[in-house]
């Protein structure tokens, strides 16, 4: 393993865009959100546990979990959020570490939205935090999810703030600018990561 980078940031901060660009620059990407969807597929243990806990109201006609319904439940019930995370997080962590062990990339980015909350910051060589303003987050959530401004604010408020994330950050990407500004930051950052990866290999 050359260099592992845990990537986190608030909801709608642009983590997916950052991952996509870093992949184009040669990084391996492991996405906790993608893993979470896989481990919650029908027939798997997490799926069964979620239905036992929340009932059939969180299942769509095609048998898949209704993520919108689940989201509405957990953003209005703190205990329900804990219950859901207790079911999903250990399985995501297990799969994430398994994928990381198999990665052959010089630089591997591990995107975990709740990285700090799940106390996973100690698993990686570096922590990268993507930041953006609250107004940008709300704007992107309204466009992306078609939700009300009130729900967007609730979703943002349910997470820790950037100040807490930045306490653990080794690297910061400011995603308040345009696409070109983001690309410029990421190109510089990737060059730094590639140098660190080479140094890591030389010292191990």
C-alpha atoms as a PDB file:
ATOM      1  CA  UNK A   1       0.000   0.000   0.000  1.00  0.00           C
ATOM      2  CA  UNK A   2       1.564   3.273  -1.116  1.00  0.00           C
ATOM      3  CA  UNK A   3      -0.644   6.154   0.118  1.00  0.00           C
ATOM      4  CA  UNK A   4      -4.164   6.011   1.563  1.00  0.00           C
ATOM      5  CA  UNK A   5      -6.256   9.181   1.768  1.00  0.00           C
ATOM      6  CA  UNK A   6      -9.537   9.354   3.670  1.00  0.00           C
ATOM      7  CA  UNK A   7     -11.813  11.883   1.964  1.00  0.00           C
ATOM      8  CA  UNK A   8     -14.732  13.515   3.735  1.00  0.00           C
ATOM      9  CA  UNK A   9     -16.883  16.637   3.685  1.00  0.00           C
ATOM     10  CA  UNK A  10     -20.389  17.841   4.329  1.00  0.00           C
ATOM     11  CA  UNK A  11     -23.402  16.754   2.317  1.00  0.00           C
ATOM     12  CA  UNK A  12     -23.416  18.282  -1.198  1.00  0.00           C
ATOM     13  CA  UNK A  13     -19.879  19.623  -0.751  1.00  0.00           C
ATOM     14  CA  UNK A  14     -18.804  18.020  -4.025  1.00  0.00           C
ATOM     15  CA  UNK A  15     -17.106  14.843  -2.785  1.00  0.00           C
ATOM     16  CA  UNK A  16     -18.268  12.804  -5.814  1.00  0.00           C
ATOM     17  CA  UNK A  17     -16.895  15.385  -8.239  1.00  0.00           C
ATOM     18  CA  UNK A  18     -13.580  15.432  -6.382  1.00  0.00           C
ATOM     19  CA  UNK A  19     -13.413  11.616  -6.486  1.00  0.00           C
ATOM     20  CA  UNK A  20     -14.214  11.567 -10.194  1.00  0.00           C
ATOM     21  CA  UNK A  21     -11.438  14.048 -10.990  1.00  0.00           C
ATOM     22  CA  UNK A  22      -8.895  12.321  -8.770  1.00  0.00           C
ATOM     23  CA  UNK A  23      -9.721   9.040 -10.529  1.00  0.00           C
ATOM     24  CA  UNK A  24      -8.991  10.715 -13.874  1.00  0.00           C
ATOM     25  CA  UNK A  25      -5.653  11.826 -12.420  1.00  0.00           C
ATOM     26  CA  UNK A  26      -4.768   8.222 -11.579  1.00  0.00           C
ATOM     27  CA  UNK A  27      -6.041   7.611  -8.051  1.00  0.00           C
ATOM     28  CA  UNK A  28      -7.903   4.491  -7.000  1.00  0.00           C
ATOM     29  CA  UNK A  29     -11.323   5.266  -5.502  1.00  0.00           C
ATOM     30  CA  UNK A  30     -13.182   3.373  -2.779  1.00  0.00           C
ATOM     31  CA  UNK A  31     -16.599   4.914  -2.047  1.00  0.00           C
ATOM     32  CA  UNK A  32     -18.375   4.104   1.223  1.00  0.00           C
ATOM     33  CA  UNK A  33     -21.730   5.253  -0.227  1.00  0.00           C
ATOM     34  CA  UNK A  34     -21.423   2.728  -3.067  1.00  0.00           C
ATOM     35  CA  UNK A  35     -20.514  -0.010  -0.581  1.00  0.00           C
ATOM     36  CA  UNK A  36     -23.486   0.957   1.617  1.00  0.00           C
ATOM     37  CA  UNK A  37     -25.864   0.462  -1.325  1.00  0.00           C
ATOM     38  CA  UNK A  38     -24.324  -2.932  -2.112  1.00  0.00           C
ATOM     39  CA  UNK A  39     -24.539  -4.280   1.452  1.00  0.00           C
ATOM     40  CA  UNK A  40     -28.202  -3.200   1.650  1.00  0.00           C
ATOM     41  CA  UNK A  41     -29.337  -5.136  -1.410  1.00  0.00           C
ATOM     42  CA  UNK A  42     -32.413  -7.392  -1.021  1.00  0.00           C
ATOM     43  CA  UNK A  43     -31.658 -10.753   0.530  1.00  0.00           C
ATOM     44  CA  UNK A  44     -28.549  -9.602   2.385  1.00  0.00           C
ATOM     45  CA  UNK A  45     -28.431  -9.456   6.216  1.00  0.00           C
ATOM     46  CA  UNK A  46     -28.414  -5.633   6.458  1.00  0.00           C
ATOM     47  CA  UNK A  47     -31.528  -5.427   4.251  1.00  0.00           C
ATOM     48  CA  UNK A  48     -33.380  -7.906   6.490  1.00  0.00           C
ATOM     49  CA  UNK A  49     -32.339  -6.074   9.659  1.00  0.00           C
ATOM     50  CA  UNK A  50     -33.448  -2.698   8.274  1.00  0.00           C
ATOM     51  CA  UNK A  51     -36.909  -4.078   7.430  1.00  0.00           C
ATOM     52  CA  UNK A  52     -37.194  -5.709  10.864  1.00  0.00           C
ATOM     53  CA  UNK A  53     -36.309  -2.368  12.488  1.00  0.00           C
ATOM     54  CA  UNK A  54     -38.271   0.061  10.296  1.00  0.00           C
ATOM     55  CA  UNK A  55     -41.005  -2.064   8.680  1.00  0.00           C
ATOM     56  CA  UNK A  56     -42.166  -2.526   5.092  1.00  0.00           C
ATOM     57  CA  UNK A  57     -42.780   1.213   4.717  1.00  0.00           C
ATOM     58  CA  UNK A  58     -39.106   1.594   3.768  1.00  0.00           C
ATOM     59  CA  UNK A  59     -39.385  -0.875   0.863  1.00  0.00           C
ATOM     60  CA  UNK A  60     -40.361   0.202  -2.660  1.00  0.00           C
ATOM     61  CA  UNK A  61     -42.572  -1.785  -5.038  1.00  0.00           C
ATOM     62  CA  UNK A  62     -39.527  -3.337  -6.741  1.00  0.00           C
ATOM     63  CA  UNK A  63     -38.213  -4.650  -3.408  1.00  0.00           C
ATOM     64  CA  UNK A  64     -35.355  -2.171  -3.105  1.00  0.00           C
ATOM     65  CA  UNK A  65     -35.012  -0.001  -0.008  1.00  0.00           C
ATOM     66  CA  UNK A  66     -36.744   3.360  -0.251  1.00  0.00           C
ATOM     67  CA  UNK A  67     -33.811   5.592   0.618  1.00  0.00           C
ATOM     68  CA  UNK A  68     -35.940   8.723   0.568  1.00  0.00           C
ATOM     69  CA  UNK A  69     -38.314   7.248   3.161  1.00  0.00           C
ATOM     70  CA  UNK A  70     -35.385   6.112   5.302  1.00  0.00           C
ATOM     71  CA  UNK A  71     -33.783   9.526   5.056  1.00  0.00           C
ATOM     72  CA  UNK A  72     -36.977  11.255   6.182  1.00  0.00           C
ATOM     73  CA  UNK A  73     -37.211   8.914   9.171  1.00  0.00           C
ATOM     74  CA  UNK A  74     -33.640   9.330  10.386  1.00  0.00           C
ATOM     75  CA  UNK A  75     -33.565  13.099   9.981  1.00  0.00           C
ATOM     76  CA  UNK A  76     -36.580  13.376  12.267  1.00  0.00           C
ATOM     77  CA  UNK A  77     -35.558  10.733  14.809  1.00  0.00           C
ATOM     78  CA  UNK A  78     -32.072  10.702  16.341  1.00  0.00           C
ATOM     79  CA  UNK A  79     -32.463   7.163  17.704  1.00  0.00           C
ATOM     80  CA  UNK A  80     -33.571   5.855  14.301  1.00  0.00           C
ATOM     81  CA  UNK A  81     -30.392   7.346  12.822  1.00  0.00           C
ATOM     82  CA  UNK A  82     -28.288   5.506  15.396  1.00  0.00           C
ATOM     83  CA  UNK A  83     -30.215   2.281  14.750  1.00  0.00           C
ATOM     84  CA  UNK A  84     -29.632   2.504  10.989  1.00  0.00           C
ATOM     85  CA  UNK A  85     -25.950   3.322  11.369  1.00  0.00           C
ATOM     86  CA  UNK A  86     -25.508   0.396  13.782  1.00  0.00           C
ATOM     87  CA  UNK A  87     -26.800  -1.936  11.073  1.00  0.00           C
ATOM     88  CA  UNK A  88     -24.893  -0.461   8.122  1.00  0.00           C
ATOM     89  CA  UNK A  89     -21.594   0.982   9.389  1.00  0.00           C
ATOM     90  CA  UNK A  90     -19.824  -2.204  10.569  1.00  0.00           C
ATOM     91  CA  UNK A  91     -20.559  -3.924   7.253  1.00  0.00           C
ATOM     92  CA  UNK A  92     -19.396  -0.921   5.229  1.00  0.00           C
ATOM     93  CA  UNK A  93     -16.207  -0.670   7.279  1.00  0.00           C
ATOM     94  CA  UNK A  94     -15.464  -4.374   6.760  1.00  0.00           C
ATOM     95  CA  UNK A  95     -15.940  -4.167   2.975  1.00  0.00           C
ATOM     96  CA  UNK A  96     -14.035  -0.891   2.744  1.00  0.00           C
ATOM     97  CA  UNK A  97     -10.985  -2.323   4.492  1.00  0.00           C
ATOM     98  CA  UNK A  98     -11.147  -5.457   2.334  1.00  0.00           C
ATOM     99  CA  UNK A  99     -11.148  -3.352  -0.851  1.00  0.00           C
ATOM    100  CA  UNK A 100      -8.335  -1.208   0.505  1.00  0.00           C
ATOM    101  CA  UNK A 101      -6.203  -4.286   1.178  1.00  0.00           C
ATOM    102  CA  UNK A 102      -6.634  -5.307  -2.463  1.00  0.00           C
ATOM    103  CA  UNK A 103      -5.876  -1.877  -3.979  1.00  0.00           C
ATOM    104  CA  UNK A 104      -2.828  -1.761  -6.269  1.00  0.00           C
ATOM    105  CA  UNK A 105      -2.900   2.008  -6.875  1.00  0.00           C
ATOM    106  CA  UNK A 106      -0.076   4.272  -5.750  1.00  0.00           C
ATOM    107  CA  UNK A 107      -2.702   6.639  -4.321  1.00  0.00           C
ATOM    108  CA  UNK A 108      -6.029   5.316  -3.028  1.00  0.00           C
ATOM    109  CA  UNK A 109      -8.821   7.729  -2.073  1.00  0.00           C
ATOM    110  CA  UNK A 110     -11.355   6.351   0.404  1.00  0.00           C
ATOM    111  CA  UNK A 111     -14.504   8.510   0.401  1.00  0.00           C
ATOM    112  CA  UNK A 112     -16.391   8.279   3.692  1.00  0.00           C
ATOM    113  CA  UNK A 113     -19.009  11.007   4.340  1.00  0.00           C
ATOM    114  CA  UNK A 114     -19.114  10.208   8.091  1.00  0.00           C
ATOM    115  CA  UNK A 115     -15.378   9.510   8.388  1.00  0.00           C
ATOM    116  CA  UNK A 116     -14.875  11.689  11.476  1.00  0.00           C
ATOM    117  CA  UNK A 117     -18.156  10.699  13.142  1.00  0.00           C
ATOM    118  CA  UNK A 118     -17.278   7.009  12.654  1.00  0.00           C
ATOM    119  CA  UNK A 119     -13.799   7.656  14.132  1.00  0.00           C
ATOM    120  CA  UNK A 120     -12.063   6.267  11.037  1.00  0.00           C
ATOM    121  CA  UNK A 121      -9.548   9.090  10.664  1.00  0.00           C
ATOM    122  CA  UNK A 122      -6.776   6.926  12.144  1.00  0.00           C
ATOM    123  CA  UNK A 123      -7.060   4.278   9.417  1.00  0.00           C
ATOM    124  CA  UNK A 124      -5.491   6.382   6.649  1.00  0.00           C
ATOM    125  CA  UNK A 125      -2.196   8.122   5.918  1.00  0.00           C
ATOM    126  CA  UNK A 126      -3.878  11.466   5.260  1.00  0.00           C
ATOM    127  CA  UNK A 127      -7.291  13.098   5.650  1.00  0.00           C
ATOM    128  CA  UNK A 128      -8.665  15.263   2.844  1.00  0.00           C
ATOM    129  CA  UNK A 129     -11.623  17.526   3.629  1.00  0.00           C
ATOM    130  CA  UNK A 130     -13.768  19.066   0.881  1.00  0.00           C
ATOM    131  CA  UNK A 131     -15.339  22.324   2.043  1.00  0.00           C
ATOM    132  CA  UNK A 132     -18.046  24.553   0.644  1.00  0.00           C
ATOM    133  CA  UNK A 133     -20.321  27.268   1.997  1.00  0.00           C
ATOM    134  CA  UNK A 134     -23.672  26.456   3.607  1.00  0.00           C
ATOM    135  CA  UNK A 135     -25.479  28.439   0.889  1.00  0.00           C
ATOM    136  CA  UNK A 136     -23.772  26.346  -1.799  1.00  0.00           C
ATOM    137  CA  UNK A 137     -24.736  23.147   0.015  1.00  0.00           C
ATOM    138  CA  UNK A 138     -28.389  24.202   0.170  1.00  0.00           C
ATOM    139  CA  UNK A 139     -28.390  25.233  -3.499  1.00  0.00           C
ATOM    140  CA  UNK A 140     -26.862  21.916  -4.611  1.00  0.00           C
ATOM    141  CA  UNK A 141     -29.236  19.854  -2.440  1.00  0.00           C
ATOM    142  CA  UNK A 142     -32.286  21.635  -3.879  1.00  0.00           C
ATOM    143  CA  UNK A 143     -31.028  21.022  -7.426  1.00  0.00           C
ATOM    144  CA  UNK A 144     -29.804  17.469  -6.864  1.00  0.00           C
ATOM    145  CA  UNK A 145     -32.535  15.986  -4.666  1.00  0.00           C
ATOM    146  CA  UNK A 146     -35.523  18.227  -5.421  1.00  0.00           C
ATOM    147  CA  UNK A 147     -36.227  18.647  -1.712  1.00  0.00           C
ATOM    148  CA  UNK A 148     -37.507  21.577   0.338  1.00  0.00           C
ATOM    149  CA  UNK A 149     -35.118  24.162   1.712  1.00  0.00           C
ATOM    150  CA  UNK A 150     -36.222  23.192   5.224  1.00  0.00           C
ATOM    151  CA  UNK A 151     -35.215  19.548   4.696  1.00  0.00           C
ATOM    152  CA  UNK A 152     -31.926  20.642   3.100  1.00  0.00           C
ATOM    153  CA  UNK A 153     -31.131  22.704   6.212  1.00  0.00           C
ATOM    154  CA  UNK A 154     -32.110  19.767   8.438  1.00  0.00           C
ATOM    155  CA  UNK A 155     -29.801  17.435   6.530  1.00  0.00           C
ATOM    156  CA  UNK A 156     -26.889  19.858   6.819  1.00  0.00           C
ATOM    157  CA  UNK A 157     -27.635  20.483  10.496  1.00  0.00           C
ATOM    158  CA  UNK A 158     -27.637  16.763  11.257  1.00  0.00           C
ATOM    159  CA  UNK A 159     -23.926  16.533  10.388  1.00  0.00           C
ATOM    160  CA  UNK A 160     -20.882  17.886  12.165  1.00  0.00           C
ATOM    161  CA  UNK A 161     -19.663  21.197  10.742  1.00  0.00           C
ATOM    162  CA  UNK A 162     -16.554  21.867   8.668  1.00  0.00           C
ATOM    163  CA  UNK A 163     -14.748  23.381  11.641  1.00  0.00           C
ATOM    164  CA  UNK A 164     -14.812  19.973  13.367  1.00  0.00           C
ATOM    165  CA  UNK A 165     -13.727  18.155  10.193  1.00  0.00           C
ATOM    166  CA  UNK A 166     -10.892  20.595   9.549  1.00  0.00           C
ATOM    167  CA  UNK A 167      -9.436  19.802  12.958  1.00  0.00           C
ATOM    168  CA  UNK A 168      -8.395  16.434  11.459  1.00  0.00           C
ATOM    169  CA  UNK A 169      -7.534  17.641   7.939  1.00  0.00           C
ATOM    170  CA  UNK A 170      -4.096  17.194   6.407  1.00  0.00           C
ATOM    171  CA  UNK A 171      -5.347  18.609   3.106  1.00  0.00           C
ATOM    172  CA  UNK A 172      -8.261  20.888   2.197  1.00  0.00           C
ATOM    173  CA  UNK A 173     -10.094  21.406  -1.083  1.00  0.00           C
ATOM    174  CA  UNK A 174     -12.203  24.577  -1.303  1.00  0.00           C
ATOM    175  CA  UNK A 175     -15.133  23.799  -3.591  1.00  0.00           C
ATOM    176  CA  UNK A 176     -16.767  27.221  -3.608  1.00  0.00           C
ATOM    177  CA  UNK A 177     -15.315  28.195  -6.991  1.00  0.00           C
ATOM    178  CA  UNK A 178     -15.909  26.953 -10.520  1.00  0.00           C
ATOM    179  CA  UNK A 179     -14.867  23.657 -12.100  1.00  0.00           C
ATOM    180  CA  UNK A 180     -11.548  25.054 -13.332  1.00  0.00           C
ATOM    181  CA  UNK A 181     -10.595  26.266  -9.851  1.00  0.00           C
ATOM    182  CA  UNK A 182     -11.371  22.818  -8.465  1.00  0.00           C
ATOM    183  CA  UNK A 183      -9.359  21.090 -11.195  1.00  0.00           C
ATOM    184  CA  UNK A 184      -6.337  23.301 -10.533  1.00  0.00           C
ATOM    185  CA  UNK A 185      -6.381  22.469  -6.804  1.00  0.00           C
ATOM    186  CA  UNK A 186      -6.742  18.747  -7.446  1.00  0.00           C
ATOM    187  CA  UNK A 187      -3.932  18.587 -10.004  1.00  0.00           C
ATOM    188  CA  UNK A 188      -1.549  20.181  -7.477  1.00  0.00           C
ATOM    189  CA  UNK A 189      -2.791  17.911  -4.705  1.00  0.00           C
ATOM    190  CA  UNK A 190      -2.407  14.757  -6.801  1.00  0.00           C
ATOM    191  CA  UNK A 191       1.221  15.644  -7.592  1.00  0.00           C
ATOM    192  CA  UNK A 192       1.850  15.977  -3.844  1.00  0.00           C
ATOM    193  CA  UNK A 193       0.143  12.642  -3.175  1.00  0.00           C
ATOM    194  CA  UNK A 194       2.194  10.899  -5.878  1.00  0.00           C
ATOM    195  CA  UNK A 195       5.434  12.165  -4.312  1.00  0.00           C
ATOM    196  CA  UNK A 196       4.284  11.043  -0.861  1.00  0.00           C
ATOM    197  CA  UNK A 197       3.330   7.641  -2.273  1.00  0.00           C
ATOM    198  CA  UNK A 198       6.827   7.160  -3.695  1.00  0.00           C
ATOM    199  CA  UNK A 199       8.358   8.173  -0.357  1.00  0.00           C
ATOM    200  CA  UNK A 200       6.035   5.734   1.432  1.00  0.00           C
ATOM    201  CA  UNK A 201       7.210   2.916  -0.813  1.00  0.00           C
ATOM    202  CA  UNK A 202      10.849   3.783  -0.238  1.00  0.00           C
ATOM    203  CA  UNK A 203      10.474   3.804   3.532  1.00  0.00           C
ATOM    204  CA  UNK A 204       8.458   0.565   3.823  1.00  0.00           C
END
